[in-house]
């Protein structure tokens, strides 16, 4: 069996534009389906310890559901993933105002971020597709024309690789990520999944989920996953509402290349997912706001904690914290980062 790409129609947008769905398959039978609307990963089929495949990402059966309000299932988000406090920032002495679409804050690129636009798609060698989008100057309030490419590949090493590049014609902000919700059991909640995070520190946040600017040790707190532990084992100690993790972790790294950020094991199936990235942080989120009002693929009702996210990223609200890794991109610079999800069994 060799790596393949198949393209089929996925529906039509309200403006009449046609949307395509790309099915990627590697030589081991792994399958990923990706739409050029939002560069959304709609399905990801991986085997368990017995060789039985299951779809391990949350999402919908039809395009129509992705066009309605949903919590960024599987999507590429930007220009700036996560939150910008007050929906405002200053660059080169000029102030910019963005939509406040998350209480008082700007979230995941605004009202119509990269998750809600139609990307161009070009198949590459093997099971790989390059998606491209040019965001015009002023879109969602951001300065500069930004050209973005996201290449999604299934490798013969049983990994899903996401490679991001971007360039701009004037100084702007950029912080791209993928917002897939994973459930390695394929169904049920994720509280018994065992999580290891290669992160001895995190960025504490206020009630609006904006970092205070402190970088704190996870030691002695329920944030500590430096030793593998079930996701739900200390969740009650968080005391937040709705209950669960929504935290940016500082990845332990020795250089600029790929570093292990996380390893997750689902004990019953034996499925294991490792996340490797060139990014400095990862947002661990446990589907706290899923409340049973969304029905997804195969009639599955998505209740609280039925999926988890590991959003590799720069830290939230970095533009307001000079000590955080910078999300500023200048003209003439090339932005590039990579995240790899590697699947194993135990």
C-alpha atoms as a PDB file:
ATOM      1  CA  UNK A   1       0.000   0.000   0.000  1.00  0.00           C
ATOM      2  CA  UNK A   2       1.386   3.420  -0.923  1.00  0.00           C
ATOM      3  CA  UNK A   3       0.628   6.921   0.301  1.00  0.00           C
ATOM      4  CA  UNK A   4      -2.313   8.519  -1.510  1.00  0.00           C
ATOM      5  CA  UNK A   5      -4.348  11.723  -1.759  1.00  0.00           C
ATOM      6  CA  UNK A   6      -7.972  11.860  -2.846  1.00  0.00           C
ATOM      7  CA  UNK A   7     -10.027  15.005  -3.370  1.00  0.00           C
ATOM      8  CA  UNK A   8     -13.800  15.249  -3.280  1.00  0.00           C
ATOM      9  CA  UNK A   9     -16.436  17.941  -3.018  1.00  0.00           C
ATOM     10  CA  UNK A  10     -17.343  18.904   0.554  1.00  0.00           C
ATOM     11  CA  UNK A  11     -20.104  21.398  -0.176  1.00  0.00           C
ATOM     12  CA  UNK A  12     -20.656  25.042  -1.047  1.00  0.00           C
ATOM     13  CA  UNK A  13     -20.233  28.221   0.997  1.00  0.00           C
ATOM     14  CA  UNK A  14     -23.037  30.831   1.177  1.00  0.00           C
ATOM     15  CA  UNK A  15     -21.192  32.915  -1.444  1.00  0.00           C
ATOM     16  CA  UNK A  16     -21.214  29.982  -3.874  1.00  0.00           C
ATOM     17  CA  UNK A  17     -17.554  29.017  -3.462  1.00  0.00           C
ATOM     18  CA  UNK A  18     -16.939  25.289  -3.610  1.00  0.00           C
ATOM     19  CA  UNK A  19     -15.195  23.565  -0.709  1.00  0.00           C
ATOM     20  CA  UNK A  20     -13.033  20.467  -1.115  1.00  0.00           C
ATOM     21  CA  UNK A  21     -12.111  17.661   1.261  1.00  0.00           C
ATOM     22  CA  UNK A  22      -8.730  15.960   0.937  1.00  0.00           C
ATOM     23  CA  UNK A  23      -8.239  12.399   2.177  1.00  0.00           C
ATOM     24  CA  UNK A  24      -4.623  11.544   3.008  1.00  0.00           C
ATOM     25  CA  UNK A  25      -3.586   7.930   3.562  1.00  0.00           C
ATOM     26  CA  UNK A  26      -0.132   6.592   4.365  1.00  0.00           C
ATOM     27  CA  UNK A  27       1.295   3.136   3.669  1.00  0.00           C
ATOM     28  CA  UNK A  28       0.199   1.851   7.088  1.00  0.00           C
ATOM     29  CA  UNK A  29      -3.464   2.712   6.614  1.00  0.00           C
ATOM     30  CA  UNK A  30      -3.569   5.887   8.689  1.00  0.00           C
ATOM     31  CA  UNK A  31      -6.116   8.342   7.283  1.00  0.00           C
ATOM     32  CA  UNK A  32      -6.514  12.093   7.739  1.00  0.00           C
ATOM     33  CA  UNK A  33      -9.233  14.195   6.134  1.00  0.00           C
ATOM     34  CA  UNK A  34      -8.666  17.942   5.744  1.00  0.00           C
ATOM     35  CA  UNK A  35     -10.969  20.607   4.334  1.00  0.00           C
ATOM     36  CA  UNK A  36      -9.679  23.689   2.548  1.00  0.00           C
ATOM     37  CA  UNK A  37     -12.312  25.648   4.485  1.00  0.00           C
ATOM     38  CA  UNK A  38     -10.412  26.708   7.595  1.00  0.00           C
ATOM     39  CA  UNK A  39      -7.755  24.061   6.864  1.00  0.00           C
ATOM     40  CA  UNK A  40      -9.830  21.919   9.229  1.00  0.00           C
ATOM     41  CA  UNK A  41      -8.754  18.389  10.137  1.00  0.00           C
ATOM     42  CA  UNK A  42     -12.156  16.681  10.087  1.00  0.00           C
ATOM     43  CA  UNK A  43     -11.032  13.083  10.690  1.00  0.00           C
ATOM     44  CA  UNK A  44      -7.918  11.241  11.837  1.00  0.00           C
ATOM     45  CA  UNK A  45      -8.002   7.433  11.910  1.00  0.00           C
ATOM     46  CA  UNK A  46      -5.241   5.654  13.848  1.00  0.00           C
ATOM     47  CA  UNK A  47      -4.942   2.058  15.164  1.00  0.00           C
ATOM     48  CA  UNK A  48      -5.084   0.771  18.727  1.00  0.00           C
ATOM     49  CA  UNK A  49      -2.843  -1.922  20.216  1.00  0.00           C
ATOM     50  CA  UNK A  50      -4.911  -4.603  18.430  1.00  0.00           C
ATOM     51  CA  UNK A  51      -4.643  -2.871  15.072  1.00  0.00           C
ATOM     52  CA  UNK A  52      -8.241  -1.610  15.110  1.00  0.00           C
ATOM     53  CA  UNK A  53      -8.682   1.897  13.711  1.00  0.00           C
ATOM     54  CA  UNK A  54     -10.765   4.704  15.215  1.00  0.00           C
ATOM     55  CA  UNK A  55     -11.277   8.367  14.442  1.00  0.00           C
ATOM     56  CA  UNK A  56      -9.532  10.243  17.291  1.00  0.00           C
ATOM     57  CA  UNK A  57     -10.539  13.869  16.598  1.00  0.00           C
ATOM     58  CA  UNK A  58     -13.819  15.643  17.318  1.00  0.00           C
ATOM     59  CA  UNK A  59     -15.744  17.301  14.509  1.00  0.00           C
ATOM     60  CA  UNK A  60     -18.777  17.089  12.256  1.00  0.00           C
ATOM     61  CA  UNK A  61     -20.024  14.927   9.388  1.00  0.00           C
ATOM     62  CA  UNK A  62     -21.012  17.870   7.180  1.00  0.00           C
ATOM     63  CA  UNK A  63     -19.636  21.230   6.112  1.00  0.00           C
ATOM     64  CA  UNK A  64     -22.869  22.944   7.192  1.00  0.00           C
ATOM     65  CA  UNK A  65     -22.056  22.290  10.857  1.00  0.00           C
ATOM     66  CA  UNK A  66     -18.600  23.854  10.511  1.00  0.00           C
ATOM     67  CA  UNK A  67     -20.233  27.003   9.107  1.00  0.00           C
ATOM     68  CA  UNK A  68     -22.193  27.422  12.357  1.00  0.00           C
ATOM     69  CA  UNK A  69     -20.759  28.430  15.719  1.00  0.00           C
ATOM     70  CA  UNK A  70     -18.418  25.771  17.149  1.00  0.00           C
ATOM     71  CA  UNK A  71     -15.279  25.715  19.329  1.00  0.00           C
ATOM     72  CA  UNK A  72     -12.697  25.675  16.493  1.00  0.00           C
ATOM     73  CA  UNK A  73     -12.865  21.886  15.974  1.00  0.00           C
ATOM     74  CA  UNK A  74      -9.769  20.866  13.985  1.00  0.00           C
ATOM     75  CA  UNK A  75      -9.143  24.322  12.545  1.00  0.00           C
ATOM     76  CA  UNK A  76      -6.074  26.388  11.749  1.00  0.00           C
ATOM     77  CA  UNK A  77      -6.389  29.550  13.857  1.00  0.00           C
ATOM     78  CA  UNK A  78      -4.733  32.931  13.339  1.00  0.00           C
ATOM     79  CA  UNK A  79      -3.452  35.513  12.712  1.00  0.00           C
ATOM     80  CA  UNK A  80      -2.958  35.245  16.452  1.00  0.00           C
ATOM     81  CA  UNK A  81      -4.033  32.115  18.284  1.00  0.00           C
ATOM     82  CA  UNK A  82      -5.193  32.438  21.863  1.00  0.00           C
ATOM     83  CA  UNK A  83      -5.972  35.776  23.538  1.00  0.00           C
ATOM     84  CA  UNK A  84      -4.952  39.422  23.220  1.00  0.00           C
ATOM     85  CA  UNK A  85      -6.021  41.436  26.266  1.00  0.00           C
ATOM     86  CA  UNK A  86      -8.626  44.104  25.578  1.00  0.00           C
ATOM     87  CA  UNK A  87      -8.418  43.501  21.830  1.00  0.00           C
ATOM     88  CA  UNK A  88      -5.749  46.184  21.542  1.00  0.00           C
ATOM     89  CA  UNK A  89      -2.018  46.387  20.907  1.00  0.00           C
ATOM     90  CA  UNK A  90       0.620  48.889  19.792  1.00  0.00           C
ATOM     91  CA  UNK A  91       3.251  48.395  17.081  1.00  0.00           C
ATOM     92  CA  UNK A  92       5.808  50.990  16.042  1.00  0.00           C
ATOM     93  CA  UNK A  93       3.960  53.643  18.026  1.00  0.00           C
ATOM     94  CA  UNK A  94       0.614  52.975  16.364  1.00  0.00           C
ATOM     95  CA  UNK A  95      -2.397  51.541  18.208  1.00  0.00           C
ATOM     96  CA  UNK A  96      -4.562  48.810  16.707  1.00  0.00           C
ATOM     97  CA  UNK A  97      -8.048  47.710  17.778  1.00  0.00           C
ATOM     98  CA  UNK A  98      -9.325  44.178  17.244  1.00  0.00           C
ATOM     99  CA  UNK A  99     -12.644  42.465  17.818  1.00  0.00           C
ATOM    100  CA  UNK A 100     -13.341  41.419  21.405  1.00  0.00           C
ATOM    101  CA  UNK A 101     -14.917  38.032  20.724  1.00  0.00           C
ATOM    102  CA  UNK A 102     -14.073  36.396  24.070  1.00  0.00           C
ATOM    103  CA  UNK A 103     -15.497  38.627  26.773  1.00  0.00           C
ATOM    104  CA  UNK A 104     -13.150  41.638  26.959  1.00  0.00           C
ATOM    105  CA  UNK A 105     -10.466  39.890  24.887  1.00  0.00           C
ATOM    106  CA  UNK A 106      -9.604  39.069  21.294  1.00  0.00           C
ATOM    107  CA  UNK A 107      -9.478  35.314  20.627  1.00  0.00           C
ATOM    108  CA  UNK A 108      -8.066  33.172  17.810  1.00  0.00           C
ATOM    109  CA  UNK A 109      -7.885  35.867  15.146  1.00  0.00           C
ATOM    110  CA  UNK A 110     -11.269  37.518  15.629  1.00  0.00           C
ATOM    111  CA  UNK A 111     -14.735  37.281  14.133  1.00  0.00           C
ATOM    112  CA  UNK A 112     -13.525  35.799  10.859  1.00  0.00           C
ATOM    113  CA  UNK A 113     -10.123  34.326  11.562  1.00  0.00           C
ATOM    114  CA  UNK A 114      -8.199  31.856   9.464  1.00  0.00           C
ATOM    115  CA  UNK A 115     -10.558  29.100  10.643  1.00  0.00           C
ATOM    116  CA  UNK A 116     -13.408  30.667   8.627  1.00  0.00           C
ATOM    117  CA  UNK A 117     -11.747  31.428   5.266  1.00  0.00           C
ATOM    118  CA  UNK A 118     -11.310  29.341   2.129  1.00  0.00           C
ATOM    119  CA  UNK A 119      -7.693  28.352   1.538  1.00  0.00           C
ATOM    120  CA  UNK A 120      -6.093  27.336  -1.755  1.00  0.00           C
ATOM    121  CA  UNK A 121      -4.882  23.732  -1.764  1.00  0.00           C
ATOM    122  CA  UNK A 122      -2.086  22.063  -3.707  1.00  0.00           C
ATOM    123  CA  UNK A 123      -1.267  18.344  -3.279  1.00  0.00           C
ATOM    124  CA  UNK A 124       2.396  17.549  -2.643  1.00  0.00           C
ATOM    125  CA  UNK A 125       4.395  14.344  -2.992  1.00  0.00           C
ATOM    126  CA  UNK A 126       3.156  11.528  -0.782  1.00  0.00           C
ATOM    127  CA  UNK A 127       0.188  12.059   1.527  1.00  0.00           C
ATOM    128  CA  UNK A 128       0.627  15.811   1.816  1.00  0.00           C
ATOM    129  CA  UNK A 129      -1.300  18.964   0.906  1.00  0.00           C
ATOM    130  CA  UNK A 130      -0.091  22.573   1.038  1.00  0.00           C
ATOM    131  CA  UNK A 131      -2.803  25.105   1.936  1.00  0.00           C
ATOM    132  CA  UNK A 132      -2.207  28.806   1.276  1.00  0.00           C
ATOM    133  CA  UNK A 133      -4.034  31.990   2.210  1.00  0.00           C
ATOM    134  CA  UNK A 134      -3.184  35.674   1.814  1.00  0.00           C
ATOM    135  CA  UNK A 135      -4.657  37.844   4.534  1.00  0.00           C
ATOM    136  CA  UNK A 136      -5.025  41.427   3.302  1.00  0.00           C
ATOM    137  CA  UNK A 137      -3.782  44.471   5.176  1.00  0.00           C
ATOM    138  CA  UNK A 138      -6.365  45.438   7.808  1.00  0.00           C
ATOM    139  CA  UNK A 139      -8.183  42.112   7.911  1.00  0.00           C
ATOM    140  CA  UNK A 140      -9.663  41.715  11.395  1.00  0.00           C
ATOM    141  CA  UNK A 141      -7.763  44.868  12.350  1.00  0.00           C
ATOM    142  CA  UNK A 142      -4.238  43.497  11.833  1.00  0.00           C
ATOM    143  CA  UNK A 143      -1.651  45.477   9.854  1.00  0.00           C
ATOM    144  CA  UNK A 144       0.175  44.153   6.807  1.00  0.00           C
ATOM    145  CA  UNK A 145      -0.585  41.721   4.011  1.00  0.00           C
ATOM    146  CA  UNK A 146       0.316  38.312   5.385  1.00  0.00           C
ATOM    147  CA  UNK A 147       0.981  35.322   3.107  1.00  0.00           C
ATOM    148  CA  UNK A 148       0.558  32.011   4.954  1.00  0.00           C
ATOM    149  CA  UNK A 149       1.199  28.405   3.964  1.00  0.00           C
ATOM    150  CA  UNK A 150       0.208  25.383   6.052  1.00  0.00           C
ATOM    151  CA  UNK A 151       1.375  21.973   4.851  1.00  0.00           C
ATOM    152  CA  UNK A 152      -0.354  18.959   6.402  1.00  0.00           C
ATOM    153  CA  UNK A 153       1.239  15.563   5.841  1.00  0.00           C
ATOM    154  CA  UNK A 154       0.792  11.966   6.921  1.00  0.00           C
ATOM    155  CA  UNK A 155       4.213  10.326   7.086  1.00  0.00           C
ATOM    156  CA  UNK A 156       5.169   6.671   6.839  1.00  0.00           C
ATOM    157  CA  UNK A 157       6.442   7.056  10.402  1.00  0.00           C
ATOM    158  CA  UNK A 158       2.786   7.242  11.478  1.00  0.00           C
ATOM    159  CA  UNK A 159       2.885  10.929  12.221  1.00  0.00           C
ATOM    160  CA  UNK A 160       0.720  13.880  11.309  1.00  0.00           C
ATOM    161  CA  UNK A 161       3.024  16.782  10.482  1.00  0.00           C
ATOM    162  CA  UNK A 162       1.862  20.400  10.283  1.00  0.00           C
ATOM    163  CA  UNK A 163       4.349  22.881   8.863  1.00  0.00           C
ATOM    164  CA  UNK A 164       3.646  26.634   8.928  1.00  0.00           C
ATOM    165  CA  UNK A 165       5.365  29.428   6.995  1.00  0.00           C
ATOM    166  CA  UNK A 166       4.456  33.090   6.605  1.00  0.00           C
ATOM    167  CA  UNK A 167       5.774  36.440   5.388  1.00  0.00           C
ATOM    168  CA  UNK A 168       4.465  40.004   5.590  1.00  0.00           C
ATOM    169  CA  UNK A 169       4.945  43.312   3.787  1.00  0.00           C
ATOM    170  CA  UNK A 170       4.878  45.294   7.049  1.00  0.00           C
ATOM    171  CA  UNK A 171       5.276  44.671  10.746  1.00  0.00           C
ATOM    172  CA  UNK A 172       2.439  42.553  12.145  1.00  0.00           C
ATOM    173  CA  UNK A 173       1.651  39.823  14.666  1.00  0.00           C
ATOM    174  CA  UNK A 174       1.541  36.074  14.041  1.00  0.00           C
ATOM    175  CA  UNK A 175       0.870  33.043  16.218  1.00  0.00           C
ATOM    176  CA  UNK A 176      -0.570  30.109  14.283  1.00  0.00           C
ATOM    177  CA  UNK A 177      -1.760  26.776  15.646  1.00  0.00           C
ATOM    178  CA  UNK A 178      -4.095  23.879  14.966  1.00  0.00           C
ATOM    179  CA  UNK A 179      -7.082  23.500  17.288  1.00  0.00           C
ATOM    180  CA  UNK A 180      -7.862  19.783  17.032  1.00  0.00           C
ATOM    181  CA  UNK A 181      -9.704  18.140  19.925  1.00  0.00           C
ATOM    182  CA  UNK A 182      -8.379  14.624  20.537  1.00  0.00           C
ATOM    183  CA  UNK A 183      -9.955  11.585  22.154  1.00  0.00           C
ATOM    184  CA  UNK A 184      -7.656   8.588  21.788  1.00  0.00           C
ATOM    185  CA  UNK A 185     -10.438   6.212  22.847  1.00  0.00           C
ATOM    186  CA  UNK A 186     -12.594   7.539  20.018  1.00  0.00           C
ATOM    187  CA  UNK A 187     -15.522   8.147  22.391  1.00  0.00           C
ATOM    188  CA  UNK A 188     -16.381   8.880  26.016  1.00  0.00           C
ATOM    189  CA  UNK A 189     -14.528  11.373  28.199  1.00  0.00           C
ATOM    190  CA  UNK A 190     -10.773  11.945  28.303  1.00  0.00           C
ATOM    191  CA  UNK A 191     -10.325  12.039  32.103  1.00  0.00           C
ATOM    192  CA  UNK A 192      -8.527   8.669  32.266  1.00  0.00           C
ATOM    193  CA  UNK A 193      -6.081   9.534  29.468  1.00  0.00           C
ATOM    194  CA  UNK A 194      -2.591   9.617  30.992  1.00  0.00           C
ATOM    195  CA  UNK A 195      -0.739  12.844  30.203  1.00  0.00           C
ATOM    196  CA  UNK A 196       2.948  13.743  30.353  1.00  0.00           C
ATOM    197  CA  UNK A 197       3.910  17.357  29.673  1.00  0.00           C
ATOM    198  CA  UNK A 198       7.553  18.208  29.130  1.00  0.00           C
ATOM    199  CA  UNK A 199       7.041  21.496  30.925  1.00  0.00           C
ATOM    200  CA  UNK A 200       8.262  22.460  34.377  1.00  0.00           C
ATOM    201  CA  UNK A 201       6.698  25.922  34.149  1.00  0.00           C
ATOM    202  CA  UNK A 202       3.461  27.578  33.087  1.00  0.00           C
ATOM    203  CA  UNK A 203       2.066  31.085  32.679  1.00  0.00           C
ATOM    204  CA  UNK A 204      -0.526  31.819  35.398  1.00  0.00           C
ATOM    205  CA  UNK A 205      -3.548  33.738  34.165  1.00  0.00           C
ATOM    206  CA  UNK A 206      -6.264  35.962  35.585  1.00  0.00           C
ATOM    207  CA  UNK A 207     -10.017  35.298  35.578  1.00  0.00           C
ATOM    208  CA  UNK A 208     -10.181  36.332  31.894  1.00  0.00           C
ATOM    209  CA  UNK A 209      -7.432  33.809  31.010  1.00  0.00           C
ATOM    210  CA  UNK A 210      -4.875  36.563  30.358  1.00  0.00           C
ATOM    211  CA  UNK A 211      -1.341  35.820  31.628  1.00  0.00           C
ATOM    212  CA  UNK A 212      -0.216  37.845  34.623  1.00  0.00           C
ATOM    213  CA  UNK A 213       3.302  37.975  33.170  1.00  0.00           C
ATOM    214  CA  UNK A 214       4.671  35.541  35.740  1.00  0.00           C
ATOM    215  CA  UNK A 215       6.315  32.276  34.709  1.00  0.00           C
ATOM    216  CA  UNK A 216       5.709  29.865  37.579  1.00  0.00           C
ATOM    217  CA  UNK A 217       6.832  26.373  38.501  1.00  0.00           C
ATOM    218  CA  UNK A 218       4.275  23.582  38.179  1.00  0.00           C
ATOM    219  CA  UNK A 219       5.794  21.854  41.203  1.00  0.00           C
ATOM    220  CA  UNK A 220       3.331  21.116  43.990  1.00  0.00           C
ATOM    221  CA  UNK A 221       0.337  22.253  41.920  1.00  0.00           C
ATOM    222  CA  UNK A 222      -2.383  20.422  39.945  1.00  0.00           C
ATOM    223  CA  UNK A 223      -0.683  21.852  36.840  1.00  0.00           C
ATOM    224  CA  UNK A 224       2.174  19.365  37.218  1.00  0.00           C
ATOM    225  CA  UNK A 225       2.262  16.645  34.548  1.00  0.00           C
ATOM    226  CA  UNK A 226       6.038  16.204  34.538  1.00  0.00           C
ATOM    227  CA  UNK A 227       5.244  12.687  35.764  1.00  0.00           C
ATOM    228  CA  UNK A 228       2.458  10.979  33.772  1.00  0.00           C
ATOM    229  CA  UNK A 229      -0.932  11.215  35.458  1.00  0.00           C
ATOM    230  CA  UNK A 230      -4.576  10.803  34.420  1.00  0.00           C
ATOM    231  CA  UNK A 231      -5.955  14.089  33.111  1.00  0.00           C
ATOM    232  CA  UNK A 232      -8.799  14.023  35.623  1.00  0.00           C
ATOM    233  CA  UNK A 233      -6.752  12.955  38.640  1.00  0.00           C
ATOM    234  CA  UNK A 234      -6.332  16.451  40.150  1.00  0.00           C
ATOM    235  CA  UNK A 235      -8.825  18.447  38.121  1.00  0.00           C
ATOM    236  CA  UNK A 236     -11.069  19.050  41.152  1.00  0.00           C
ATOM    237  CA  UNK A 237      -8.210  20.975  42.786  1.00  0.00           C
ATOM    238  CA  UNK A 238      -8.347  23.633  40.069  1.00  0.00           C
ATOM    239  CA  UNK A 239     -11.544  25.128  41.451  1.00  0.00           C
ATOM    240  CA  UNK A 240     -12.409  26.970  38.237  1.00  0.00           C
ATOM    241  CA  UNK A 241     -15.752  27.241  36.451  1.00  0.00           C
ATOM    242  CA  UNK A 242     -16.301  25.518  34.113  1.00  0.00           C
ATOM    243  CA  UNK A 243     -13.963  22.926  35.573  1.00  0.00           C
ATOM    244  CA  UNK A 244     -10.864  21.904  33.665  1.00  0.00           C
ATOM    245  CA  UNK A 245      -7.499  22.900  32.261  1.00  0.00           C
ATOM    246  CA  UNK A 246      -7.024  25.857  29.926  1.00  0.00           C
ATOM    247  CA  UNK A 247      -3.367  26.593  30.584  1.00  0.00           C
ATOM    248  CA  UNK A 248      -0.280  27.607  28.632  1.00  0.00           C
ATOM    249  CA  UNK A 249       2.796  25.521  29.477  1.00  0.00           C
ATOM    250  CA  UNK A 250       6.424  26.505  28.848  1.00  0.00           C
ATOM    251  CA  UNK A 251       8.017  23.634  26.946  1.00  0.00           C
ATOM    252  CA  UNK A 252      11.366  22.316  28.186  1.00  0.00           C
ATOM    253  CA  UNK A 253      13.777  22.644  25.296  1.00  0.00           C
ATOM    254  CA  UNK A 254      17.521  22.614  24.722  1.00  0.00           C
ATOM    255  CA  UNK A 255      17.587  24.159  21.231  1.00  0.00           C
ATOM    256  CA  UNK A 256      15.489  25.551  18.384  1.00  0.00           C
ATOM    257  CA  UNK A 257      14.493  22.288  16.722  1.00  0.00           C
ATOM    258  CA  UNK A 258      11.650  19.888  17.420  1.00  0.00           C
ATOM    259  CA  UNK A 259      11.191  19.182  21.120  1.00  0.00           C
ATOM    260  CA  UNK A 260       8.841  16.783  22.855  1.00  0.00           C
ATOM    261  CA  UNK A 261       5.969  18.803  24.334  1.00  0.00           C
ATOM    262  CA  UNK A 262       3.546  16.079  25.414  1.00  0.00           C
ATOM    263  CA  UNK A 263       2.792  12.385  25.453  1.00  0.00           C
ATOM    264  CA  UNK A 264      -0.741  11.073  25.966  1.00  0.00           C
ATOM    265  CA  UNK A 265      -1.713   7.430  26.498  1.00  0.00           C
ATOM    266  CA  UNK A 266      -5.241   6.013  26.499  1.00  0.00           C
ATOM    267  CA  UNK A 267      -4.925   2.903  28.704  1.00  0.00           C
ATOM    268  CA  UNK A 268      -7.755   0.743  27.309  1.00  0.00           C
ATOM    269  CA  UNK A 269      -6.936   1.122  23.601  1.00  0.00           C
ATOM    270  CA  UNK A 270      -3.187   1.449  24.049  1.00  0.00           C
ATOM    271  CA  UNK A 271      -3.110   4.418  21.689  1.00  0.00           C
ATOM    272  CA  UNK A 272      -0.285   6.854  22.386  1.00  0.00           C
ATOM    273  CA  UNK A 273       0.183  10.312  20.881  1.00  0.00           C
ATOM    274  CA  UNK A 274       3.412  12.299  21.166  1.00  0.00           C
ATOM    275  CA  UNK A 275       3.478  15.989  20.262  1.00  0.00           C
ATOM    276  CA  UNK A 276       6.785  17.435  19.066  1.00  0.00           C
ATOM    277  CA  UNK A 277       7.105  21.102  18.157  1.00  0.00           C
ATOM    278  CA  UNK A 278       9.455  24.000  17.462  1.00  0.00           C
ATOM    279  CA  UNK A 279       7.103  26.324  19.367  1.00  0.00           C
ATOM    280  CA  UNK A 280       7.925  27.599  22.893  1.00  0.00           C
ATOM    281  CA  UNK A 281       4.544  26.812  24.470  1.00  0.00           C
ATOM    282  CA  UNK A 282       1.548  24.537  24.404  1.00  0.00           C
ATOM    283  CA  UNK A 283      -1.992  25.338  25.551  1.00  0.00           C
ATOM    284  CA  UNK A 284      -3.530  22.347  27.287  1.00  0.00           C
ATOM    285  CA  UNK A 285      -7.331  22.556  27.157  1.00  0.00           C
ATOM    286  CA  UNK A 286      -9.814  19.908  28.269  1.00  0.00           C
ATOM    287  CA  UNK A 287     -13.013  20.882  26.455  1.00  0.00           C
ATOM    288  CA  UNK A 288     -14.384  22.679  29.512  1.00  0.00           C
ATOM    289  CA  UNK A 289     -17.034  24.572  27.549  1.00  0.00           C
ATOM    290  CA  UNK A 290     -18.430  21.547  25.721  1.00  0.00           C
ATOM    291  CA  UNK A 291     -21.894  21.222  27.231  1.00  0.00           C
ATOM    292  CA  UNK A 292     -23.857  18.678  25.209  1.00  0.00           C
ATOM    293  CA  UNK A 293     -25.404  21.207  22.828  1.00  0.00           C
ATOM    294  CA  UNK A 294     -23.264  20.094  19.858  1.00  0.00           C
ATOM    295  CA  UNK A 295     -23.808  16.802  18.056  1.00  0.00           C
ATOM    296  CA  UNK A 296     -20.838  15.673  16.044  1.00  0.00           C
ATOM    297  CA  UNK A 297     -19.783  12.817  13.823  1.00  0.00           C
ATOM    298  CA  UNK A 298     -21.872   9.652  13.884  1.00  0.00           C
ATOM    299  CA  UNK A 299     -24.389  11.327  16.201  1.00  0.00           C
ATOM    300  CA  UNK A 300     -21.926  11.760  19.064  1.00  0.00           C
ATOM    301  CA  UNK A 301     -23.023  14.345  21.631  1.00  0.00           C
ATOM    302  CA  UNK A 302     -20.026  16.403  22.750  1.00  0.00           C
ATOM    303  CA  UNK A 303     -20.237  16.837  26.496  1.00  0.00           C
ATOM    304  CA  UNK A 304     -17.721  18.437  28.826  1.00  0.00           C
ATOM    305  CA  UNK A 305     -14.286  16.764  28.739  1.00  0.00           C
ATOM    306  CA  UNK A 306     -14.968  14.607  25.667  1.00  0.00           C
ATOM    307  CA  UNK A 307     -11.838  15.976  23.979  1.00  0.00           C
ATOM    308  CA  UNK A 308      -8.536  17.641  24.822  1.00  0.00           C
ATOM    309  CA  UNK A 309      -6.398  20.112  22.885  1.00  0.00           C
ATOM    310  CA  UNK A 310      -2.633  20.558  22.840  1.00  0.00           C
ATOM    311  CA  UNK A 311      -2.277  23.824  20.926  1.00  0.00           C
ATOM    312  CA  UNK A 312       1.402  24.430  20.209  1.00  0.00           C
ATOM    313  CA  UNK A 313       1.953  28.181  20.223  1.00  0.00           C
ATOM    314  CA  UNK A 314       3.675  31.274  21.499  1.00  0.00           C
ATOM    315  CA  UNK A 315       2.332  32.330  24.877  1.00  0.00           C
ATOM    316  CA  UNK A 316      -1.065  34.074  25.119  1.00  0.00           C
ATOM    317  CA  UNK A 317      -1.064  37.893  25.020  1.00  0.00           C
ATOM    318  CA  UNK A 318       2.654  37.924  24.196  1.00  0.00           C
ATOM    319  CA  UNK A 319       2.394  41.342  22.553  1.00  0.00           C
ATOM    320  CA  UNK A 320       1.823  42.864  26.018  1.00  0.00           C
ATOM    321  CA  UNK A 321       4.640  40.945  27.738  1.00  0.00           C
ATOM    322  CA  UNK A 322       8.124  41.864  26.462  1.00  0.00           C
ATOM    323  CA  UNK A 323       9.703  39.005  28.439  1.00  0.00           C
ATOM    324  CA  UNK A 324       7.650  36.405  26.532  1.00  0.00           C
ATOM    325  CA  UNK A 325       8.852  35.047  23.157  1.00  0.00           C
ATOM    326  CA  UNK A 326       7.860  37.614  20.538  1.00  0.00           C
ATOM    327  CA  UNK A 327       4.946  37.197  18.110  1.00  0.00           C
ATOM    328  CA  UNK A 328       6.045  40.222  16.052  1.00  0.00           C
ATOM    329  CA  UNK A 329       6.914  39.530  12.411  1.00  0.00           C
ATOM    330  CA  UNK A 330       8.721  42.174  10.349  1.00  0.00           C
ATOM    331  CA  UNK A 331       8.846  42.682   6.609  1.00  0.00           C
ATOM    332  CA  UNK A 332      11.711  40.660   5.175  1.00  0.00           C
ATOM    333  CA  UNK A 333      11.490  38.016   7.900  1.00  0.00           C
ATOM    334  CA  UNK A 334      10.188  34.501   7.326  1.00  0.00           C
ATOM    335  CA  UNK A 335       8.045  32.872   9.976  1.00  0.00           C
ATOM    336  CA  UNK A 336       8.392  29.092  10.197  1.00  0.00           C
ATOM    337  CA  UNK A 337       7.408  26.464  12.731  1.00  0.00           C
ATOM    338  CA  UNK A 338       6.484  22.791  12.745  1.00  0.00           C
ATOM    339  CA  UNK A 339       4.395  20.525  14.947  1.00  0.00           C
ATOM    340  CA  UNK A 340       4.377  16.733  14.628  1.00  0.00           C
ATOM    341  CA  UNK A 341       1.820  14.379  16.202  1.00  0.00           C
ATOM    342  CA  UNK A 342       3.369  10.899  16.317  1.00  0.00           C
ATOM    343  CA  UNK A 343       1.128   7.895  17.016  1.00  0.00           C
ATOM    344  CA  UNK A 344       2.286   4.747  18.775  1.00  0.00           C
ATOM    345  CA  UNK A 345       0.755   1.907  20.792  1.00  0.00           C
ATOM    346  CA  UNK A 346       1.603   0.514  24.204  1.00  0.00           C
END
